[in-house]
């Protein structure tokens, strides 16, 4: 699997921002075929930081009834919670190695 196709984008919310500040844990949207080892290698190769642990979460597809009987769908995705070894290290997603 290609390194740049594993990591899709960072997820930026209030909860993920707090975890970045206090626990050096980053939340990323990743490819559905990516494993924990693939994610760990991709973070190290692209951003040059050591990863302590990776936790993966699969979200299910959600349906919502909209106006005029239209059914809206939110797609399923896969999130990765990446914790860094060094508490002072950080990932700058605008710069790659």
N, C-alpha and C. Protein backbone atom coordinates (compact mmCIF):
# COMPACT_ATOMS: atom_id res chain seq x y z
N UNK A 1 0.84 -1.17 0.00
CA UNK A 1 0.00 0.00 0.00
C UNK A 1 0.89 1.24 0.00
N UNK A 2 0.55 2.25 -0.79
CA UNK A 2 1.35 3.46 -0.88
C UNK A 2 1.19 4.31 0.38
N UNK A 3 2.29 4.95 0.78
CA UNK A 3 2.28 5.73 2.02
C UNK A 3 1.30 6.88 1.98
N UNK A 4 1.25 7.60 0.86
CA UNK A 4 0.41 8.79 0.79
C UNK A 4 -1.07 8.46 0.59
N UNK A 5 -1.39 7.21 0.29
CA UNK A 5 -2.81 6.84 0.17
C UNK A 5 -3.36 6.29 1.48
N UNK A 6 -2.50 6.04 2.46
CA UNK A 6 -2.96 5.52 3.75
C UNK A 6 -3.63 6.62 4.56
N UNK A 7 -2.96 7.77 4.69
CA UNK A 7 -3.49 8.87 5.50
C UNK A 7 -4.27 9.81 4.59
N UNK A 8 -5.57 9.95 4.85
CA UNK A 8 -6.40 10.82 4.02
C UNK A 8 -6.35 12.26 4.49
N UNK A 9 -6.70 12.49 5.78
CA UNK A 9 -6.72 13.86 6.29
C UNK A 9 -6.79 13.83 7.81
N UNK A 10 -6.34 14.91 8.46
CA UNK A 10 -6.52 15.01 9.91
C UNK A 10 -7.96 15.41 10.23
N UNK A 11 -8.45 14.96 11.36
CA UNK A 11 -9.79 15.33 11.82
C UNK A 11 -9.61 16.39 12.90
N UNK A 12 -10.13 17.58 12.64
CA UNK A 12 -9.94 18.71 13.56
C UNK A 12 -11.28 19.06 14.20
N UNK A 13 -11.40 18.72 15.47
CA UNK A 13 -12.57 19.07 16.27
C UNK A 13 -12.06 19.58 17.61
N UNK A 14 -12.98 19.99 18.48
CA UNK A 14 -12.57 20.44 19.81
C UNK A 14 -11.94 19.30 20.60
N UNK A 15 -12.52 18.14 20.52
CA UNK A 15 -12.01 17.00 21.26
C UNK A 15 -10.63 16.58 20.76
N UNK A 16 -10.43 16.55 19.45
CA UNK A 16 -9.13 16.16 18.92
C UNK A 16 -8.07 17.22 19.20
N UNK A 17 -8.45 18.48 19.23
CA UNK A 17 -7.49 19.55 19.55
C UNK A 17 -7.02 19.44 20.99
N UNK A 18 -7.93 19.11 21.91
CA UNK A 18 -7.54 18.92 23.31
C UNK A 18 -6.60 17.74 23.47
N UNK A 19 -6.87 16.66 22.76
CA UNK A 19 -6.01 15.49 22.88
C UNK A 19 -4.63 15.75 22.28
N UNK A 20 -4.55 16.61 21.27
CA UNK A 20 -3.24 16.99 20.73
C UNK A 20 -2.44 17.79 21.75
N UNK A 21 -3.10 18.72 22.44
CA UNK A 21 -2.40 19.58 23.39
C UNK A 21 -1.93 18.82 24.62
N UNK A 22 -2.79 17.99 25.20
CA UNK A 22 -2.48 17.39 26.49
C UNK A 22 -1.86 16.00 26.41
N UNK A 23 -2.16 15.23 25.37
CA UNK A 23 -1.72 13.84 25.33
C UNK A 23 -0.89 13.50 24.10
N UNK A 24 -0.59 14.44 23.23
CA UNK A 24 0.09 14.23 21.95
C UNK A 24 -0.54 13.08 21.16
N UNK A 25 -1.86 13.08 21.11
CA UNK A 25 -2.62 12.10 20.34
C UNK A 25 -3.31 12.82 19.19
N UNK A 26 -3.10 12.33 17.98
CA UNK A 26 -3.67 12.95 16.79
C UNK A 26 -4.74 12.04 16.22
N UNK A 27 -5.80 12.64 15.68
CA UNK A 27 -6.91 11.89 15.09
C UNK A 27 -6.85 12.09 13.58
N UNK A 28 -6.78 10.98 12.85
CA UNK A 28 -6.65 11.03 11.39
C UNK A 28 -7.71 10.16 10.74
N UNK A 29 -8.15 10.56 9.56
CA UNK A 29 -8.98 9.68 8.76
C UNK A 29 -8.04 8.90 7.86
N UNK A 30 -8.18 7.59 7.87
CA UNK A 30 -7.26 6.73 7.12
C UNK A 30 -8.04 5.85 6.15
N UNK A 31 -7.30 5.20 5.29
CA UNK A 31 -7.88 4.29 4.32
C UNK A 31 -8.52 3.09 5.02
N UNK A 32 -9.57 2.55 4.45
CA UNK A 32 -10.27 1.44 5.10
C UNK A 32 -9.45 0.14 5.05
N UNK A 33 -8.47 0.04 4.16
CA UNK A 33 -7.65 -1.15 4.07
C UNK A 33 -6.38 -1.07 4.92
N UNK A 34 -6.11 0.08 5.52
CA UNK A 34 -4.87 0.29 6.26
C UNK A 34 -4.90 -0.44 7.60
N UNK A 35 -3.77 -1.04 7.96
CA UNK A 35 -3.62 -1.68 9.26
C UNK A 35 -2.88 -0.75 10.20
N UNK A 36 -2.79 -1.14 11.48
CA UNK A 36 -2.08 -0.31 12.45
C UNK A 36 -0.61 -0.18 12.09
N UNK A 37 -0.01 -1.25 11.61
CA UNK A 37 1.40 -1.22 11.23
C UNK A 37 1.61 -0.31 10.04
N UNK A 38 0.71 -0.35 9.05
CA UNK A 38 0.81 0.54 7.89
C UNK A 38 0.73 2.00 8.30
N UNK A 39 -0.19 2.31 9.22
CA UNK A 39 -0.37 3.69 9.68
C UNK A 39 0.87 4.17 10.42
N UNK A 40 1.42 3.32 11.27
CA UNK A 40 2.62 3.66 12.03
C UNK A 40 3.81 3.93 11.11
N UNK A 41 4.00 3.08 10.09
CA UNK A 41 5.09 3.27 9.14
C UNK A 41 4.89 4.54 8.31
N UNK A 42 3.66 4.82 7.91
CA UNK A 42 3.38 6.00 7.10
C UNK A 42 3.66 7.28 7.88
N UNK A 43 3.26 7.35 9.14
CA UNK A 43 3.52 8.53 9.97
C UNK A 43 5.02 8.74 10.13
N UNK A 44 5.77 7.65 10.37
CA UNK A 44 7.21 7.77 10.55
C UNK A 44 7.89 8.22 9.25
N UNK A 45 7.51 7.64 8.12
CA UNK A 45 8.16 7.97 6.85
C UNK A 45 7.79 9.38 6.35
N UNK A 46 6.55 9.78 6.50
CA UNK A 46 6.11 11.08 5.96
C UNK A 46 6.49 12.23 6.87
N UNK A 47 6.25 12.09 8.18
CA UNK A 47 6.44 13.20 9.11
C UNK A 47 7.68 13.08 9.98
N UNK A 48 8.31 11.92 10.03
CA UNK A 48 9.55 11.74 10.75
C UNK A 48 9.42 11.76 12.27
N UNK A 49 8.32 11.30 12.82
CA UNK A 49 8.14 11.24 14.27
C UNK A 49 7.89 9.79 14.68
N UNK A 50 8.33 9.44 15.88
CA UNK A 50 8.14 8.09 16.42
C UNK A 50 6.72 7.95 16.98
N UNK A 51 6.08 6.84 16.69
CA UNK A 51 4.71 6.58 17.13
C UNK A 51 4.74 5.55 18.25
N UNK A 52 4.07 5.86 19.36
CA UNK A 52 4.00 4.94 20.48
C UNK A 52 2.88 3.92 20.28
N UNK A 53 1.69 4.38 19.91
CA UNK A 53 0.58 3.46 19.71
C UNK A 53 -0.39 4.00 18.67
N UNK A 54 -1.14 3.08 18.08
CA UNK A 54 -2.18 3.42 17.11
C UNK A 54 -3.43 2.67 17.49
N UNK A 55 -4.54 3.39 17.61
CA UNK A 55 -5.84 2.79 17.87
C UNK A 55 -6.75 3.11 16.69
N UNK A 56 -7.45 2.11 16.19
CA UNK A 56 -8.27 2.28 14.99
C UNK A 56 -9.74 2.12 15.35
N UNK A 57 -10.58 2.98 14.76
CA UNK A 57 -12.01 2.97 15.02
C UNK A 57 -12.75 3.01 13.69
N UNK A 58 -13.65 2.05 13.48
CA UNK A 58 -14.48 2.04 12.28
C UNK A 58 -15.83 2.67 12.61
N UNK A 59 -16.25 3.65 11.81
CA UNK A 59 -17.57 4.24 12.00
C UNK A 59 -18.53 3.64 10.99
N UNK A 60 -19.76 3.49 11.39
CA UNK A 60 -20.75 2.87 10.51
C UNK A 60 -21.48 3.93 9.69
N UNK A 61 -22.14 3.49 8.64
CA UNK A 61 -22.92 4.39 7.80
C UNK A 61 -24.19 4.80 8.55
N UNK A 62 -24.53 6.08 8.45
CA UNK A 62 -25.72 6.57 9.16
C UNK A 62 -26.74 7.08 8.15
N UNK A 63 -28.01 6.84 8.44
CA UNK A 63 -29.11 7.29 7.58
C UNK A 63 -29.94 8.32 8.32
N UNK A 64 -30.41 9.32 7.60
CA UNK A 64 -31.25 10.35 8.20
C UNK A 64 -32.34 10.70 7.19
N UNK A 65 -33.57 10.79 7.66
CA UNK A 65 -34.67 11.17 6.79
C UNK A 65 -34.73 12.68 6.68
N UNK A 66 -34.64 13.16 5.45
CA UNK A 66 -34.65 14.59 5.21
C UNK A 66 -36.03 15.07 4.80
N UNK A 67 -36.07 16.27 4.25
CA UNK A 67 -37.34 16.84 3.80
C UNK A 67 -37.84 16.12 2.56
N UNK A 68 -39.13 16.08 2.39
CA UNK A 68 -39.80 15.50 1.23
C UNK A 68 -39.46 14.03 1.02
N UNK A 69 -39.21 13.31 2.10
CA UNK A 69 -38.98 11.87 2.00
C UNK A 69 -37.62 11.47 1.47
N UNK A 70 -36.68 12.39 1.40
CA UNK A 70 -35.35 12.08 0.89
C UNK A 70 -34.51 11.49 2.03
N UNK A 71 -33.86 10.40 1.76
CA UNK A 71 -32.99 9.77 2.76
C UNK A 71 -31.56 10.23 2.52
N UNK A 72 -30.95 10.81 3.55
CA UNK A 72 -29.57 11.26 3.46
C UNK A 72 -28.67 10.22 4.10
N UNK A 73 -27.48 10.03 3.53
CA UNK A 73 -26.55 9.05 4.05
C UNK A 73 -25.23 9.70 4.41
N UNK A 74 -24.70 9.36 5.56
CA UNK A 74 -23.35 9.78 5.94
C UNK A 74 -22.47 8.55 5.76
N UNK A 75 -21.40 8.69 5.01
CA UNK A 75 -20.59 7.54 4.65
C UNK A 75 -19.83 6.99 5.86
N UNK A 76 -19.47 5.75 5.76
CA UNK A 76 -18.67 5.15 6.82
C UNK A 76 -17.21 5.51 6.60
N UNK A 77 -16.48 5.58 7.69
CA UNK A 77 -15.06 5.95 7.60
C UNK A 77 -14.27 5.17 8.63
N UNK A 78 -12.97 5.40 8.64
CA UNK A 78 -12.08 4.73 9.57
C UNK A 78 -11.16 5.79 10.17
N UNK A 79 -11.15 5.88 11.50
CA UNK A 79 -10.33 6.85 12.19
C UNK A 79 -9.16 6.14 12.86
N UNK A 80 -8.05 6.87 12.97
CA UNK A 80 -6.89 6.35 13.69
C UNK A 80 -6.48 7.37 14.74
N UNK A 81 -6.33 6.91 15.97
CA UNK A 81 -5.83 7.74 17.06
C UNK A 81 -4.35 7.39 17.22
N UNK A 82 -3.47 8.33 16.86
CA UNK A 82 -2.03 8.10 16.86
C UNK A 82 -1.41 8.84 18.03
N UNK A 83 -0.75 8.11 18.94
CA UNK A 83 -0.07 8.70 20.08
C UNK A 83 1.43 8.67 19.83
N UNK A 84 2.10 9.81 20.04
CA UNK A 84 3.53 9.92 19.79
C UNK A 84 4.33 9.52 21.02
N UNK A 85 5.55 9.01 20.79
CA UNK A 85 6.42 8.61 21.90
C UNK A 85 6.93 9.82 22.66
N UNK A 86 7.44 10.80 21.93
CA UNK A 86 8.00 11.99 22.55
C UNK A 86 6.88 12.97 22.86
N UNK A 87 6.75 13.36 24.14
CA UNK A 87 5.68 14.26 24.55
C UNK A 87 5.86 15.68 24.00
N UNK A 88 7.09 16.03 23.61
CA UNK A 88 7.35 17.37 23.09
C UNK A 88 7.29 17.44 21.57
N UNK A 89 7.18 16.30 20.91
CA UNK A 89 7.11 16.26 19.45
C UNK A 89 5.70 16.63 18.98
N UNK A 90 5.61 17.08 17.75
CA UNK A 90 4.31 17.40 17.17
C UNK A 90 4.36 17.13 15.68
N UNK A 91 3.19 17.01 15.09
CA UNK A 91 3.07 16.77 13.65
C UNK A 91 2.51 18.04 13.01
N UNK A 92 3.23 18.55 12.02
CA UNK A 92 2.73 19.67 11.22
C UNK A 92 2.24 19.10 9.90
N UNK A 93 0.92 19.05 9.70
CA UNK A 93 0.35 18.39 8.54
C UNK A 93 0.56 19.15 7.25
N UNK A 94 1.02 20.40 7.32
CA UNK A 94 1.26 21.15 6.10
C UNK A 94 2.65 20.88 5.53
N UNK A 95 3.52 20.25 6.33
CA UNK A 95 4.89 19.99 5.89
C UNK A 95 5.13 18.48 5.93
N UNK A 96 5.70 17.94 4.86
CA UNK A 96 6.07 16.54 4.83
C UNK A 96 7.58 16.43 4.78
N UNK A 97 8.10 15.29 5.18
CA UNK A 97 9.53 15.07 5.25
C UNK A 97 10.15 14.99 3.88
